[in-house]
Amino acid sequence: MPPITLSESEYRDKVYACWLGKNIGGTLGAPIEGRKEIHQLVYFDPVPDGAAPNDDLDFQLVWLKMVQERGPNVRLSDFADYWQKHLAPYPWNEYGFCQRNLARGLRPPISGCFENYYVDEMGSPIRSEIWACLAPGDPQLAAAMAWKDAVLDHAGGEGVHGEMFWAALESGAFVISDPLTLIEIGLRMIPIWSRISRAVREAVWCWQNSAPLLDARERILRCFGHYQPCHAPQNHAFTILGWLYGEDYGGKLCAAVNCGYDTDCTGATLGSVLGIVGGTAAIPAEWSKPVGDAIMLHKFTRDLDASRTVTDLTDETVEAARSFLQARSATACLGQEQRLPRNVASLLARNELALKALSRDVHAGTAPSRGGVEITLHYHGEPVLRPGIAKTVSISLERDDEPIEADVQLSGPRAWRIERDGTRDGRARFELLAEEVEDRNTISARASAAGEVHEAEFVMLGPGEAKGYPCGQNVAGCPKCHARREACICEG
């Protein structure tokens, strides 16, 4: 039996409070989202008559559906499938560029960074709770799953670090409640040199050294600020400031949101954290009643048969967590009574899975094959072949994140020269050269391993399809419904 056993009844209460808190904090911050000035909120303004639609939650409903339908061992290709099926209309920032890359045939994780200015933003840190709820008491597993999620649209950026940080912190919060210990657990999952790590540590330093809240906010902006309101480092620090400086539930939420910038995200994330730490008993009725139990899907989330109440979402999450923990975790399980070992903090701080995820190559595309095998094309840089300039690529195979030895062949357009260039670090290397390169080209990998043949196709772009994209601009949207133009939701 795993060393940590969580009381299922207490876990269920914390899951409900997590999702309810997500709605409360997101609804509080939504009216002032993107405004950079200091605010003076002490309560909802305006007072809502239900939860606001929030992509922070919708994406996680899609991932829960994915786990329910594909099982606990979801792969990068599963994330791509469900994004294209349910989330394609989202045009904003990293969302739009992820879908633009997926539509061009690029696979994750390269889909998350190529021609994507927004890899350092908040689109993935706000999706952390589902992995904490599915892996309660196993922060490194939650962080590793968050990596798979985040690289879809933030590969190589701070957005990946942010989602891993919060997923681990929130997973630990199902077991312990001390904020500083939980922050330390989250920080162990990400590089100490990352801007999010440094911004969070600065926020903690300000609080520990009794800096006034507004001085701490100014210090964060001076050292880590960015003109983009959704830039992740500053918003992570604001969430931490709210948690540490606020005196009670509402005070903590308002302290975070009053810092400005990406306020629906800072409020929603802190609302989730407070819900997991304290359960429903920690959420005052004055905050929960205006939001209620209903979930409002965003209009850009399409064809999704998802829970429409927090109660139903909680039931589905708990059911999925049972099988997820049983299949994936050697650290935690659900039971009738909570049982914790003496070294519980040390268990929660383990980070091998997180570090392994961070070591993966993001300049690559990964495709599924039979028997749980994944084939990865390593682009050794951008996914572009330029005429007359040789390019090295390599192929690797894995099953359950473990490498597999294979005999690999690679083929492409007839006019290309593709030559084997040995093996290095377990990857079969090839040199590509062509005098003319079409905009989109198919590369086929065929690998023989342990008597099985595995095949996958990948896209290599030409210069005509890789002209860049202006920084700070979004993909083209429909002028009527404002969805991504290629996935317009206008009737007819």
Protein backbone atom coordinates (compact mmCIF):
# COMPACT_ATOMS: atom_id res chain seq x y z
CA MET A 1 0.00 0.00 0.00
CA PRO A 2 1.29 3.53 -0.79
CA PRO A 3 2.68 5.36 2.26
CA ILE A 4 0.07 8.16 2.11
CA THR A 5 -3.61 7.30 2.51
CA LEU A 6 -6.07 10.15 2.13
CA SER A 7 -9.51 10.07 3.71
CA GLU A 8 -11.86 9.93 0.73
CA SER A 9 -14.54 11.99 2.47
CA GLU A 10 -12.06 14.76 3.34
CA TYR A 11 -10.53 14.55 -0.12
CA ARG A 12 -13.98 14.92 -1.72
CA ASP A 13 -14.69 18.00 0.40
CA LYS A 14 -11.39 19.57 -0.64
CA VAL A 15 -12.04 18.84 -4.32
CA TYR A 16 -15.43 20.53 -4.10
CA ALA A 17 -13.85 23.53 -2.37
CA CYS A 18 -11.12 23.62 -5.04
CA TRP A 19 -13.57 23.92 -7.92
CA LEU A 20 -15.86 26.26 -5.98
CA GLY A 21 -12.90 28.45 -5.07
CA LYS A 22 -11.83 28.48 -8.71
CA ASN A 23 -15.20 29.94 -9.65
CA ILE A 24 -15.21 32.43 -6.76
CA GLY A 25 -11.75 33.83 -7.44
CA GLY A 26 -12.21 33.90 -11.20
CA THR A 27 -15.54 35.68 -10.89
CA LEU A 28 -14.04 38.23 -8.49
CA GLY A 29 -11.19 39.10 -10.84
CA ALA A 30 -12.95 38.87 -14.21
CA PRO A 31 -14.37 42.44 -14.34
CA ILE A 32 -10.93 44.03 -13.99
CA GLU A 33 -8.87 41.49 -15.98
CA GLY A 34 -5.93 43.09 -17.77
CA ARG A 35 -6.02 46.37 -15.81
CA LYS A 36 -2.60 47.15 -14.39
CA GLU A 37 -3.42 49.69 -11.71
CA ILE A 38 -3.85 48.98 -7.99
CA HIS A 39 -7.46 48.17 -7.12
CA GLN A 40 -9.48 48.57 -3.92
CA LEU A 41 -11.83 45.59 -3.95
CA VAL A 42 -13.15 44.26 -0.66
CA TYR A 43 -15.86 42.11 -2.25
CA PHE A 44 -17.38 41.26 -5.62
CA ASP A 45 -17.97 44.36 -7.74
CA PRO A 46 -20.45 43.88 -9.27
CA VAL A 47 -22.03 41.19 -7.10
CA PRO A 48 -22.68 38.25 -9.47
CA ASP A 49 -25.77 36.07 -9.76
CA GLY A 50 -23.68 33.06 -10.78
CA ALA A 51 -20.18 32.05 -11.81
CA ALA A 52 -18.59 33.80 -14.76
CA PRO A 53 -17.55 31.63 -17.74
CA ASN A 54 -13.85 30.94 -17.39
CA ASP A 55 -11.40 29.23 -19.71
CA ASP A 56 -9.34 28.56 -16.54
CA LEU A 57 -11.88 25.86 -15.73
CA ASP A 58 -13.07 24.80 -19.18
CA PHE A 59 -9.71 23.44 -20.31
CA GLN A 60 -9.60 21.26 -17.21
CA LEU A 61 -13.06 19.88 -17.96
CA VAL A 62 -11.67 18.81 -21.32
CA TRP A 63 -8.65 17.13 -19.71
CA LEU A 64 -10.91 15.30 -17.24
CA LYS A 65 -12.98 14.02 -20.16
CA MET A 66 -9.74 12.92 -21.85
CA VAL A 67 -8.64 10.92 -18.79
CA GLN A 68 -12.10 9.38 -18.48
CA GLU A 69 -12.10 8.26 -22.11
CA ARG A 70 -8.41 7.49 -22.77
CA GLY A 71 -7.41 6.21 -19.31
CA PRO A 72 -4.77 7.38 -16.83
CA ASN A 73 -1.76 6.91 -19.12
CA VAL A 74 -2.57 9.83 -21.40
CA ARG A 75 0.04 10.83 -23.96
CA LEU A 76 0.93 14.08 -25.68
CA SER A 77 -1.04 12.98 -28.71
CA ASP A 78 -4.17 12.64 -26.55
CA PHE A 79 -3.84 16.24 -25.41
CA ALA A 80 -3.52 17.35 -29.03
CA ASP A 81 -6.57 15.31 -30.06
CA TYR A 82 -8.79 16.78 -27.36
CA TRP A 83 -7.53 20.31 -27.94
CA GLN A 84 -8.46 20.12 -31.60
CA LYS A 85 -11.83 18.55 -30.84
CA HIS A 86 -13.01 20.83 -28.05
CA LEU A 87 -10.79 23.94 -27.85
CA ALA A 88 -9.95 24.93 -31.43
CA PRO A 89 -12.02 28.16 -31.46
CA TYR A 90 -9.95 29.83 -28.71
CA PRO A 91 -8.00 32.63 -30.43
CA TRP A 92 -6.18 34.28 -27.55
CA ASN A 93 -2.44 34.46 -27.29
CA GLU A 94 -0.82 31.03 -26.74
CA TYR A 95 -4.12 29.19 -27.31
CA GLY A 96 -4.39 30.49 -30.85
CA PHE A 97 -0.79 29.74 -31.73
CA CYS A 98 -0.97 26.22 -30.34
CA GLN A 99 -3.96 25.49 -32.56
CA ARG A 100 -2.29 27.22 -35.51
CA ASN A 101 0.66 24.84 -35.13
CA LEU A 102 -1.50 21.76 -34.61
CA ALA A 103 -3.48 22.67 -37.73
CA ARG A 104 -0.21 22.90 -39.69
CA GLY A 105 0.61 19.34 -38.65
CA LEU A 106 3.15 20.10 -35.95
CA ARG A 107 2.90 17.82 -32.94
CA PRO A 108 3.59 18.64 -29.30
CA PRO A 109 5.80 19.75 -27.77
CA ILE A 110 7.10 21.76 -30.76
CA SER A 111 3.50 22.92 -31.22
CA GLY A 112 3.89 24.92 -28.03
CA CYS A 113 6.90 27.03 -28.90
CA PHE A 114 7.29 27.48 -32.65
CA GLU A 115 6.35 31.02 -33.73
CA ASN A 116 4.63 31.47 -30.35
CA TYR A 117 5.47 34.71 -28.58
CA TYR A 118 3.28 33.85 -25.57
CA VAL A 119 5.11 30.89 -23.99
CA ASP A 120 5.73 32.86 -20.78
CA GLU A 121 2.08 33.61 -20.08
CA MET A 122 -0.71 32.33 -17.85
CA GLY A 123 -2.65 30.03 -20.18
CA SER A 124 -1.27 26.82 -18.68
CA PRO A 125 -0.63 27.72 -15.01
CA ILE A 126 -4.39 28.23 -14.70
CA ARG A 127 -4.94 24.58 -15.70
CA SER A 128 -3.05 23.05 -12.78
CA GLU A 129 -5.87 21.97 -10.46
CA ILE A 130 -7.01 18.93 -12.42
CA TRP A 131 -3.60 17.27 -12.02
CA ALA A 132 -3.50 18.06 -8.30
CA CYS A 133 -6.99 16.63 -7.87
CA LEU A 134 -6.15 13.47 -9.84
CA ALA A 135 -2.82 13.03 -8.03
CA PRO A 136 -3.51 14.28 -4.48
CA GLY A 137 -0.58 13.61 -2.19
CA ASP A 138 1.80 12.94 -5.11
CA PRO A 139 3.14 16.37 -6.13
CA GLN A 140 5.83 15.11 -8.50
CA LEU A 141 3.27 13.08 -10.45
CA ALA A 142 0.97 16.10 -10.61
CA ALA A 143 3.89 18.22 -11.85
CA ALA A 144 4.87 15.66 -14.50
CA MET A 145 1.29 15.63 -15.82
CA ALA A 146 1.26 19.42 -15.77
CA TRP A 147 4.36 19.36 -18.00
CA LYS A 148 2.51 17.30 -20.61
CA ASP A 149 -0.40 19.72 -20.48
CA ALA A 150 1.64 22.92 -20.55
CA VAL A 151 3.95 22.10 -23.45
CA LEU A 152 0.97 22.05 -25.80
CA ASP A 153 1.07 25.85 -25.83
CA HIS A 154 4.00 26.97 -23.65
CA ALA A 155 6.91 24.61 -24.46
CA GLY A 156 10.22 26.07 -23.34
CA GLY A 157 8.52 28.94 -21.51
CA GLU A 158 7.60 30.08 -18.03
CA GLY A 159 4.05 28.85 -18.53
CA VAL A 160 5.37 25.30 -18.15
CA HIS A 161 7.14 26.14 -14.91
CA GLY A 162 4.04 27.87 -13.59
CA GLU A 163 1.69 24.95 -14.15
CA MET A 164 4.17 22.49 -12.65
CA PHE A 165 4.62 24.75 -9.61
CA TRP A 166 0.92 25.07 -8.86
CA ALA A 167 0.05 21.45 -9.63
CA ALA A 168 2.64 20.24 -7.13
CA LEU A 169 1.72 22.83 -4.50
CA GLU A 170 -1.97 22.01 -4.78
CA SER A 171 -1.33 18.27 -4.68
CA GLY A 172 0.60 18.73 -1.46
CA ALA A 173 -2.21 20.89 -0.06
CA PHE A 174 -4.44 17.82 0.12
CA VAL A 175 -2.08 16.56 2.84
CA ILE A 176 -0.52 19.54 4.63
CA SER A 177 -1.57 23.17 5.05
CA ASP A 178 1.50 25.29 5.85
CA PRO A 179 1.89 27.85 3.03
CA LEU A 180 5.68 28.10 3.16
CA THR A 181 6.12 24.32 3.05
CA LEU A 182 3.70 24.06 0.14
CA ILE A 183 5.48 26.84 -1.72
CA GLU A 184 8.78 25.02 -1.18
CA ILE A 185 7.26 21.82 -2.60
CA GLY A 186 6.12 23.68 -5.70
CA LEU A 187 9.50 25.35 -6.16
CA ARG A 188 11.31 22.00 -6.04
CA MET A 189 9.58 20.97 -9.26
CA ILE A 190 10.92 23.83 -11.39
CA PRO A 191 14.35 25.29 -12.20
CA ILE A 192 15.69 27.64 -9.54
CA TRP A 193 16.81 29.97 -12.34
CA SER A 194 13.33 30.34 -13.81
CA ARG A 195 11.72 33.75 -13.51
CA ILE A 196 8.70 32.23 -11.77
CA SER A 197 10.91 30.62 -9.15
CA ARG A 198 12.72 33.90 -8.56
CA ALA A 199 9.51 35.97 -8.49
CA VAL A 200 7.85 33.60 -6.01
CA ARG A 201 10.93 33.60 -3.79
CA GLU A 202 10.95 37.40 -3.88
CA ALA A 203 7.31 37.55 -2.81
CA VAL A 204 8.06 35.25 0.11
CA TRP A 205 11.12 37.34 1.04
CA CYS A 206 9.04 40.51 1.09
CA TRP A 207 6.50 38.94 3.44
CA GLN A 208 9.12 37.41 5.72
CA ASN A 209 10.88 40.77 5.98
CA SER A 210 7.69 42.73 6.72
CA ALA A 211 7.68 44.79 3.55
CA PRO A 212 4.28 46.54 3.14
CA LEU A 213 2.09 44.83 0.55
CA LEU A 214 2.15 47.72 -1.92
CA ASP A 215 5.93 47.98 -1.59
CA ALA A 216 6.18 44.25 -2.28
CA ARG A 217 3.96 44.65 -5.37
CA GLU A 218 6.16 47.49 -6.64
CA ARG A 219 9.28 45.43 -6.03
CA ILE A 220 7.85 42.52 -8.03
CA LEU A 221 6.99 44.78 -10.94
CA ARG A 222 10.36 46.50 -10.89
CA CYS A 223 12.28 43.20 -10.90
CA PHE A 224 9.98 40.84 -12.81
CA GLY A 225 7.29 42.99 -14.41
CA HIS A 226 6.24 42.84 -18.04
CA TYR A 227 3.95 45.05 -20.07
CA GLN A 228 1.84 42.05 -21.04
CA PRO A 229 -0.76 41.71 -18.25
CA CYS A 230 -0.84 37.92 -18.62
CA HIS A 231 2.93 37.47 -18.23
CA ALA A 232 3.32 34.63 -15.74
CA PRO A 233 6.13 35.62 -13.31
CA GLN A 234 4.51 38.81 -12.02
CA ASN A 235 1.10 37.15 -11.66
CA HIS A 236 2.51 34.17 -9.76
CA ALA A 237 4.13 36.56 -7.30
CA PHE A 238 0.85 38.47 -6.89
CA THR A 239 -0.97 35.23 -6.06
CA ILE A 240 1.62 34.41 -3.41
CA LEU A 241 1.38 37.93 -2.00
CA GLY A 242 -2.38 37.59 -1.65
CA TRP A 243 -2.04 34.24 0.09
CA LEU A 244 0.58 35.45 2.59
CA TYR A 245 -0.57 39.02 3.24
CA GLY A 246 -4.34 38.55 3.36
CA GLU A 247 -5.87 38.13 6.82
CA ASP A 248 -8.89 35.97 5.95
CA TYR A 249 -10.49 34.23 2.98
CA GLY A 250 -11.85 37.33 1.29
CA GLY A 251 -8.87 39.39 2.29
CA LYS A 252 -6.47 36.97 0.64
CA LEU A 253 -8.42 36.88 -2.62
CA CYS A 254 -8.78 40.64 -2.73
CA ALA A 255 -5.11 41.22 -1.88
CA ALA A 256 -4.09 39.13 -4.91
CA VAL A 257 -6.67 40.60 -7.27
CA ASN A 258 -6.00 44.17 -6.14
CA CYS A 259 -2.44 43.85 -7.45
CA GLY A 260 -4.00 44.03 -10.92
CA TYR A 261 -2.84 42.49 -14.24
CA ASP A 262 -4.25 38.97 -14.92
CA THR A 263 -6.78 39.24 -12.11
CA ASP A 264 -9.20 36.48 -13.07
CA CYS A 265 -6.30 34.03 -13.12
CA THR A 266 -4.65 35.14 -9.88
CA GLY A 267 -8.01 35.10 -8.12
CA ALA A 268 -9.03 31.73 -9.53
CA THR A 269 -5.74 30.03 -8.68
CA LEU A 270 -5.68 31.37 -5.12
CA GLY A 271 -9.34 30.46 -4.70
CA SER A 272 -8.48 26.89 -5.61
CA VAL A 273 -5.49 26.76 -3.26
CA LEU A 274 -7.51 28.11 -0.34
CA GLY A 275 -10.26 25.62 -1.10
CA ILE A 276 -7.90 22.64 -1.07
CA VAL A 277 -6.11 23.79 2.09
CA GLY A 278 -9.21 24.56 4.14
CA GLY A 279 -12.03 22.62 2.50
CA THR A 280 -15.58 23.94 2.28
CA ALA A 281 -15.52 25.02 5.93
CA ALA A 282 -12.96 27.69 5.04
CA ILE A 283 -15.17 29.33 2.38
CA PRO A 284 -17.58 31.87 3.93
CA ALA A 285 -21.16 31.74 2.68
CA GLU A 286 -20.99 35.40 1.70
CA TRP A 287 -18.43 34.39 -0.95
CA SER A 288 -19.93 31.11 -2.12
CA LYS A 289 -23.62 32.07 -2.30
CA PRO A 290 -23.37 34.68 -5.12
CA VAL A 291 -21.43 32.25 -7.30
CA GLY A 292 -23.49 29.15 -6.56
CA ASP A 293 -22.99 25.60 -7.78
CA ALA A 294 -23.47 26.05 -11.52
CA ILE A 295 -20.63 25.93 -14.05
CA MET A 296 -20.89 28.17 -17.09
CA LEU A 297 -18.94 26.95 -20.11
CA HIS A 298 -17.26 29.52 -22.32
CA LYS A 299 -18.75 29.86 -25.79
CA PHE A 300 -15.45 28.80 -27.37
CA THR A 301 -15.53 25.39 -25.66
CA ARG A 302 -17.30 23.21 -28.16
CA ASP A 303 -19.00 19.80 -28.28
CA LEU A 304 -18.15 18.98 -24.67
CA ASP A 305 -20.50 16.87 -22.56
CA ALA A 306 -19.12 18.10 -19.26
CA SER A 307 -20.37 18.62 -15.73
CA ARG A 308 -22.48 21.74 -15.36
CA THR A 309 -22.34 21.91 -11.56
CA VAL A 310 -19.49 21.90 -9.08
CA THR A 311 -21.18 18.99 -7.32
CA ASP A 312 -21.18 16.83 -10.44
CA LEU A 313 -17.65 17.87 -11.33
CA THR A 314 -16.53 16.83 -7.86
CA ASP A 315 -18.13 13.40 -8.23
CA GLU A 316 -16.46 12.88 -11.60
CA THR A 317 -13.09 14.05 -10.31
CA VAL A 318 -13.17 11.71 -7.31
CA GLU A 319 -14.11 8.74 -9.48
CA ALA A 320 -11.31 9.49 -11.95
CA ALA A 321 -8.78 9.99 -9.15
CA ARG A 322 -9.37 6.50 -7.76
CA SER A 323 -8.25 4.84 -10.97
CA PHE A 324 -5.59 7.45 -11.71
CA LEU A 325 -3.86 6.98 -8.36
CA GLN A 326 -4.12 3.22 -8.57
CA ALA A 327 -2.51 3.17 -12.01
CA ARG A 328 0.06 5.93 -11.65
CA SER A 329 1.02 6.61 -8.04
CA ALA A 330 3.28 4.69 -5.69
CA THR A 331 2.93 7.44 -3.08
CA ALA A 332 -0.76 8.07 -2.40
CA CYS A 333 -4.16 6.38 -2.44
CA LEU A 334 -7.69 7.02 -1.19
CA GLY A 335 -9.14 5.18 1.79
CA GLN A 336 -11.60 5.49 4.63
CA GLU A 337 -9.18 7.09 7.08
CA GLN A 338 -6.19 9.33 6.56
CA ARG A 339 -2.81 7.78 7.39
CA LEU A 340 0.39 9.76 6.98
CA PRO A 341 3.98 8.62 7.55
CA ARG A 342 6.34 10.60 9.75
CA ASN A 343 8.38 11.66 6.74
CA VAL A 344 5.38 12.98 4.84
CA ALA A 345 7.03 16.33 3.96
CA SER A 346 10.01 14.52 2.45
CA LEU A 347 7.70 12.32 0.37
CA LEU A 348 5.77 15.33 -0.90
CA ALA A 349 9.00 17.12 -1.85
CA ARG A 350 10.34 14.34 -4.11
CA ASN A 351 10.85 15.67 -7.61
CA GLU A 352 12.38 12.93 -9.80
CA LEU A 353 9.39 12.76 -12.15
CA ALA A 354 9.26 16.53 -12.50
CA LEU A 355 12.96 16.82 -13.30
CA LYS A 356 12.67 13.99 -15.81
CA ALA A 357 9.84 15.82 -17.56
CA LEU A 358 11.85 19.04 -17.65
CA SER A 359 14.76 17.20 -19.28
CA ARG A 360 12.67 16.22 -22.31
CA ASP A 361 13.42 17.80 -25.67
CA VAL A 362 10.83 20.45 -26.59
CA HIS A 363 12.25 20.95 -30.11
CA ALA A 364 10.46 17.77 -31.08
CA GLY A 365 7.16 16.25 -32.13
CA THR A 366 5.81 13.07 -30.58
CA ALA A 367 3.40 10.65 -32.26
CA PRO A 368 1.62 7.56 -30.91
CA SER A 369 2.16 4.02 -32.15
CA ARG A 370 0.89 0.60 -31.14
CA GLY A 371 1.38 -0.95 -27.75
CA GLY A 372 1.88 2.33 -25.91
CA VAL A 373 4.98 3.20 -27.93
CA GLU A 374 5.64 6.83 -28.81
CA ILE A 375 7.87 7.92 -31.69
CA THR A 376 9.57 11.30 -31.42
CA LEU A 377 11.11 13.33 -34.22
CA HIS A 378 13.77 15.64 -32.78
CA TYR A 379 14.06 18.70 -35.01
CA HIS A 380 17.34 19.90 -33.47
CA GLY A 381 15.91 23.41 -33.57
CA GLU A 382 13.08 24.82 -35.66
CA PRO A 383 10.80 22.45 -37.63
CA VAL A 384 11.94 24.00 -40.90
CA LEU A 385 14.15 22.76 -43.75
CA ARG A 386 15.63 25.59 -45.77
CA PRO A 387 16.74 25.06 -49.39
CA GLY A 388 20.38 24.22 -49.85
CA ILE A 389 21.13 24.02 -46.11
CA ALA A 390 21.59 20.57 -44.55
CA LYS A 391 19.60 19.85 -41.40
CA THR A 392 20.10 17.12 -38.80
CA VAL A 393 17.12 15.40 -37.22
CA SER A 394 16.89 12.31 -35.05
CA ILE A 395 14.34 9.70 -34.02
CA SER A 396 13.75 8.10 -30.62
CA LEU A 397 11.19 5.61 -29.30
CA GLU A 398 9.74 5.33 -25.81
CA ARG A 399 7.20 3.22 -23.95
CA ASP A 400 5.91 4.61 -20.65
CA ASP A 401 8.62 7.30 -20.80
CA GLU A 402 11.38 4.67 -21.02
CA PRO A 403 13.61 4.51 -24.15
CA ILE A 404 13.40 1.61 -26.59
CA GLU A 405 16.16 0.47 -28.92
CA ALA A 406 15.01 0.30 -32.53
CA ASP A 407 16.18 0.03 -36.11
CA VAL A 408 14.90 3.24 -37.71
CA GLN A 409 14.34 4.30 -41.30
CA LEU A 410 13.32 7.80 -42.39
CA SER A 411 11.83 8.87 -45.70
CA GLY A 412 10.55 12.13 -47.16
CA PRO A 413 9.80 13.81 -50.48
CA ARG A 414 11.42 12.10 -53.45
CA ALA A 415 13.72 15.01 -54.32
CA TRP A 416 15.19 15.20 -50.80
CA ARG A 417 18.46 13.59 -49.85
CA ILE A 418 18.12 11.74 -46.54
CA GLU A 419 21.22 10.03 -45.22
CA ARG A 420 21.77 8.12 -41.98
CA ASP A 421 24.23 9.90 -39.70
CA GLY A 422 24.83 7.31 -36.99
CA THR A 423 23.36 7.11 -33.50
CA ARG A 424 23.92 9.47 -30.61
CA ASP A 425 22.35 9.44 -27.14
CA GLY A 426 20.16 6.53 -28.22
CA ARG A 427 18.69 8.45 -31.14
CA ALA A 428 19.02 7.51 -34.80
CA ARG A 429 20.35 10.59 -36.62
CA PHE A 430 19.69 11.64 -40.21
CA GLU A 431 20.86 14.50 -42.41
CA LEU A 432 18.30 16.15 -44.69
CA LEU A 433 19.12 18.27 -47.73
CA ALA A 434 16.92 19.65 -50.52
CA GLU A 435 17.32 22.31 -53.18
CA GLU A 436 13.60 23.09 -53.16
CA VAL A 437 11.25 22.76 -50.18
CA GLU A 438 7.46 22.93 -50.31
CA ASP A 439 5.56 24.78 -47.59
CA ARG A 440 4.49 21.59 -45.79
CA ASN A 441 6.25 18.26 -46.16
CA THR A 442 5.68 14.82 -44.71
CA ILE A 443 8.47 12.81 -43.11
CA SER A 444 7.74 9.14 -42.42
CA ALA A 445 9.52 7.19 -39.69
CA ARG A 446 9.52 3.41 -39.65
CA ALA A 447 11.08 1.61 -36.69
CA SER A 448 11.52 -2.06 -35.84
CA ALA A 449 11.76 -2.86 -32.13
CA ALA A 450 11.43 -6.24 -30.37
CA GLY A 451 9.75 -7.80 -33.38
CA GLU A 452 7.22 -5.01 -33.79
CA VAL A 453 7.05 -2.37 -36.51
CA HIS A 454 6.14 1.17 -35.52
CA GLU A 455 5.34 3.93 -37.96
CA ALA A 456 4.54 7.63 -37.69
CA GLU A 457 4.37 10.70 -39.88
CA PHE A 458 5.63 14.16 -39.07
CA VAL A 459 5.60 17.57 -40.75
CA MET A 460 8.64 19.54 -41.81
CA LEU A 461 7.83 23.07 -42.86
CA GLY A 462 9.44 24.99 -45.68
CA PRO A 463 10.36 28.69 -45.57
CA GLY A 464 7.07 29.62 -47.20
CA GLU A 465 5.20 28.31 -44.15
CA ALA A 466 7.68 29.69 -41.62
CA LYS A 467 7.70 33.41 -42.19
CA GLY A 468 7.31 34.31 -38.53
CA TYR A 469 4.54 36.18 -36.76
CA PRO A 470 4.61 39.67 -35.23
CA CYS A 471 5.19 39.67 -31.47
CA GLY A 472 2.20 40.62 -29.37
CA GLN A 473 -0.40 39.94 -32.05
CA ASN A 474 -3.04 37.22 -31.95
CA VAL A 475 -4.04 34.83 -34.71
CA ALA A 476 -6.78 36.09 -36.99
CA GLY A 477 -10.27 35.97 -35.49
CA CYS A 478 -13.81 36.13 -36.81
CA PRO A 479 -15.08 39.74 -36.62
CA LYS A 480 -18.51 38.55 -35.45
CA CYS A 481 -17.97 35.78 -32.90
CA HIS A 482 -14.27 36.58 -32.23
CA ALA A 483 -13.30 32.90 -32.34
CA ARG A 484 -10.21 31.78 -34.22
CA ARG A 485 -11.10 32.45 -37.85
CA GLU A 486 -10.63 28.85 -38.99
CA ALA A 487 -12.92 27.58 -36.19
CA CYS A 488 -15.62 30.24 -36.31
CA ILE A 489 -18.68 29.48 -34.13
CA CYS A 490 -21.09 31.78 -35.96
CA GLU A 491 -24.31 30.03 -36.92
CA GLY A 492 -24.34 29.04 -40.58
